[in-house]
Amino acid sequence: MRKSAWTGLLAVATLIAAAIVGFLLPSSASADDPYNGGKCASIAVSATVVNPGESITVTGKDFDPNQVVTLTLTPASNGTGVVKHYGPVNADSKGAFTLEIVMPLKSTGNQILASDGIQAGCPADPIQITIGGTQGGGSQPPAHTGVDIALMVGVAAILLAAGVLFTRSGMRRRATSHS
């Protein structure tokens, strides 16, 4: 193959790899996206798998300053129990709050914890909590919600290997054509 053919092949391989990475990576809006004018309110919990009657700590941030926030725990489609309201709690001057809540004794399965507070028209995302889970209570850390970096590292390694192969092939071809 001529050098221009290898260059074209490398360009096509790079575009295909970039397209694969673009399709495989999650594309969700983050709380810092500029379309919403800044940060959305958010809530976090100290544990996502708990037992009935167990306490967890709920923290909120980026709510409107001094806003009154109420939390609601609602059974999901595969959960049992009744709707439970917690609060109200007042966010501080920076829009943050902390509230300790107790899981209902008669609720089991997946429950959805949501807040009624918003920040500039952007509500906080709800959190799923499992009551009566088999993972041993509320000692688990909060759920991981980041990007899986392993896929990106794998694609980068493949692209680097392809670049090394193309470079070595080009050097060999040049060396044999000059002799």
Protein backbone atom coordinates (compact mmCIF):
# COMPACT_ATOMS: atom_id res chain seq x y z
CA MET A 1 0.00 0.00 0.00
CA ARG A 2 1.11 3.54 -0.67
CA LYS A 3 1.67 6.00 2.13
CA SER A 4 -1.49 7.95 1.24
CA ALA A 5 -3.53 4.75 1.41
CA TRP A 6 -2.21 4.04 4.93
CA THR A 7 -2.96 7.61 5.97
CA GLY A 8 -6.51 7.30 4.66
CA LEU A 9 -6.95 3.97 6.40
CA LEU A 10 -5.68 5.46 9.66
CA ALA A 11 -8.09 8.39 9.33
CA VAL A 12 -11.05 6.06 8.73
CA ALA A 13 -10.05 3.84 11.67
CA THR A 14 -9.78 6.89 13.93
CA LEU A 15 -13.23 8.15 12.88
CA ILE A 16 -14.78 4.73 13.45
CA ALA A 17 -13.19 4.46 16.91
CA ALA A 18 -14.37 7.97 17.81
CA ALA A 19 -17.91 7.13 16.66
CA ILE A 20 -17.94 3.93 18.73
CA VAL A 21 -16.77 5.79 21.82
CA GLY A 22 -19.40 8.48 21.24
CA PHE A 23 -22.20 5.94 21.01
CA LEU A 24 -21.06 3.84 23.96
CA LEU A 25 -20.51 6.63 26.46
CA PRO A 26 -23.57 7.75 28.40
CA SER A 27 -24.84 11.12 27.37
CA SER A 28 -26.84 12.49 30.25
CA ALA A 29 -27.20 16.08 31.29
CA SER A 30 -25.10 16.96 34.27
CA ALA A 31 -25.99 19.39 36.98
CA ASP A 32 -23.37 21.78 35.59
CA ASP A 33 -24.71 21.94 32.02
CA PRO A 34 -24.98 25.53 30.79
CA TYR A 35 -28.48 25.05 29.36
CA ASN A 36 -30.03 25.25 32.81
CA GLY A 37 -28.18 28.39 33.81
CA GLY A 38 -25.92 26.73 36.38
CA LYS A 39 -26.29 24.00 38.93
CA CYS A 40 -29.41 22.00 39.68
CA ALA A 41 -30.38 21.16 43.23
CA SER A 42 -29.29 17.69 44.32
CA ILE A 43 -29.82 15.26 47.18
CA ALA A 44 -27.55 12.46 48.43
CA VAL A 45 -28.03 9.71 51.00
CA SER A 46 -25.65 7.98 53.40
CA ALA A 47 -26.87 4.53 52.28
CA THR A 48 -29.01 3.17 49.46
CA VAL A 49 -29.69 -0.28 50.97
CA VAL A 50 -31.22 -0.19 54.45
CA ASN A 51 -33.42 -2.17 56.80
CA PRO A 52 -36.88 -1.11 58.01
CA GLY A 53 -36.56 1.27 60.97
CA GLU A 54 -32.98 2.18 60.11
CA SER A 55 -31.88 5.83 59.89
CA ILE A 56 -30.05 7.42 56.98
CA THR A 57 -28.75 10.94 56.49
CA VAL A 58 -30.01 12.94 53.53
CA THR A 59 -27.99 15.95 52.39
CA GLY A 60 -29.10 18.52 49.87
CA LYS A 61 -27.18 21.22 48.07
CA ASP A 62 -27.72 23.96 45.48
CA PHE A 63 -31.31 24.62 46.53
CA ASP A 64 -32.50 28.21 46.65
CA PRO A 65 -31.13 29.93 49.79
CA ASN A 66 -33.40 29.49 52.85
CA GLN A 67 -35.84 27.37 50.83
CA VAL A 68 -38.21 25.04 52.68
CA VAL A 69 -37.69 21.48 51.41
CA THR A 70 -39.88 18.42 52.01
CA LEU A 71 -38.71 14.89 51.19
CA THR A 72 -41.10 12.18 50.05
CA LEU A 73 -40.46 8.41 50.10
CA THR A 74 -42.73 6.58 47.65
CA PRO A 75 -42.83 2.82 46.91
CA ALA A 76 -41.53 1.97 43.44
CA SER A 77 -43.37 -0.52 41.24
CA ASN A 78 -41.67 -3.45 42.99
CA GLY A 79 -41.77 -1.96 46.49
CA THR A 80 -44.40 -2.07 49.22
CA GLY A 81 -45.45 0.44 51.82
CA VAL A 82 -47.08 3.83 52.02
CA VAL A 83 -45.99 7.29 50.95
CA LYS A 84 -43.98 8.90 53.76
CA HIS A 85 -43.16 12.63 54.03
CA TYR A 86 -40.10 13.96 55.88
CA GLY A 87 -39.41 17.54 56.89
CA PRO A 88 -39.92 20.29 56.22
CA VAL A 89 -36.30 21.35 56.53
CA ASN A 90 -34.93 24.81 55.74
CA ALA A 91 -31.96 25.08 53.40
CA ASP A 92 -29.27 27.40 54.73
CA SER A 93 -28.10 30.63 53.10
CA LYS A 94 -26.03 28.57 50.62
CA GLY A 95 -28.94 26.27 49.70
CA ALA A 96 -27.72 23.24 51.67
CA PHE A 97 -29.44 21.06 54.27
CA THR A 98 -28.96 17.83 56.24
CA LEU A 99 -31.82 15.71 57.54
CA GLU A 100 -31.81 12.34 59.28
CA ILE A 101 -34.76 10.17 58.27
CA VAL A 102 -36.00 6.78 59.55
CA MET A 103 -37.14 4.15 57.08
CA PRO A 104 -40.76 3.03 57.59
CA LEU A 105 -41.17 -0.29 59.43
CA LYS A 106 -43.76 -1.65 57.00
CA SER A 107 -42.00 -0.72 53.75
CA THR A 108 -39.88 -3.15 51.74
CA GLY A 109 -38.26 -3.28 48.32
CA ASN A 110 -37.38 -0.31 46.16
CA GLN A 111 -38.51 3.13 47.27
CA ILE A 112 -38.03 6.50 45.57
CA LEU A 113 -36.83 9.44 47.68
CA ALA A 114 -37.57 12.81 46.09
CA SER A 115 -37.46 16.42 47.20
CA ASP A 116 -39.99 19.13 46.40
CA GLY A 117 -37.39 21.88 46.40
CA ILE A 118 -35.94 23.25 43.20
CA GLN A 119 -33.20 25.62 42.20
CA ALA A 120 -34.08 28.05 39.41
CA GLY A 121 -36.61 25.66 37.86
CA CYS A 122 -34.31 22.64 38.01
CA PRO A 123 -35.55 19.90 40.40
CA ALA A 124 -33.23 17.51 42.19
CA ASP A 125 -33.06 14.00 40.76
CA PRO A 126 -34.78 11.37 42.95
CA ILE A 127 -32.79 8.54 44.56
CA GLN A 128 -33.78 4.88 44.75
CA ILE A 129 -33.45 3.26 48.16
CA THR A 130 -33.89 -0.47 48.81
CA ILE A 131 -35.46 -1.33 52.16
CA GLY A 132 -34.93 -4.82 53.56
CA GLY A 133 -32.16 -5.57 51.07
CA THR A 134 -29.98 -8.65 51.24
CA GLN A 135 -26.71 -6.70 51.33
CA GLY A 136 -26.59 -6.36 55.10
CA GLY A 137 -28.17 -3.08 55.98
CA GLY A 138 -27.12 0.50 55.51
CA SER A 139 -23.35 0.14 55.69
CA GLN A 140 -22.97 0.39 51.92
CA PRO A 141 -21.48 3.53 50.40
CA PRO A 142 -23.62 5.73 48.14
CA ALA A 143 -24.17 4.44 44.62
CA HIS A 144 -21.53 5.21 41.97
CA THR A 145 -22.87 7.62 39.39
CA GLY A 146 -19.72 8.49 37.41
CA VAL A 147 -18.52 7.59 33.95
CA ASP A 148 -17.01 4.15 33.41
CA ILE A 149 -13.46 5.06 32.43
CA ALA A 150 -12.42 1.51 31.51
CA LEU A 151 -14.08 1.76 28.09
CA MET A 152 -12.28 4.99 27.28
CA VAL A 153 -8.91 3.56 28.39
CA GLY A 154 -9.47 0.45 26.26
CA VAL A 155 -10.29 2.44 23.14
CA ALA A 156 -7.28 4.71 23.74
CA ALA A 157 -5.01 1.65 24.04
CA ILE A 158 -6.37 0.23 20.76
CA LEU A 159 -5.82 3.55 18.99
CA LEU A 160 -2.27 3.81 20.35
CA ALA A 161 -1.47 0.26 19.23
CA ALA A 162 -2.86 1.00 15.77
CA GLY A 163 -0.71 4.14 15.56
CA VAL A 164 2.43 2.21 16.52
CA LEU A 165 1.70 -0.47 13.92
CA PHE A 166 1.10 2.08 11.18
CA THR A 167 4.27 3.97 12.09
CA ARG A 168 6.45 0.84 12.09
CA SER A 169 4.93 -0.35 8.84
CA GLY A 170 5.66 3.02 7.25
CA MET A 171 9.28 2.97 8.49
CA ARG A 172 9.85 -0.53 7.09
CA ARG A 173 8.31 0.40 3.78
CA ARG A 174 10.50 3.53 3.54
CA ALA A 175 13.61 1.54 4.46
CA THR A 176 12.95 -1.11 1.78
CA SER A 177 12.11 1.47 -0.91
CA HIS A 178 15.39 3.39 -0.34
CA SER A 179 17.59 0.30 -0.62
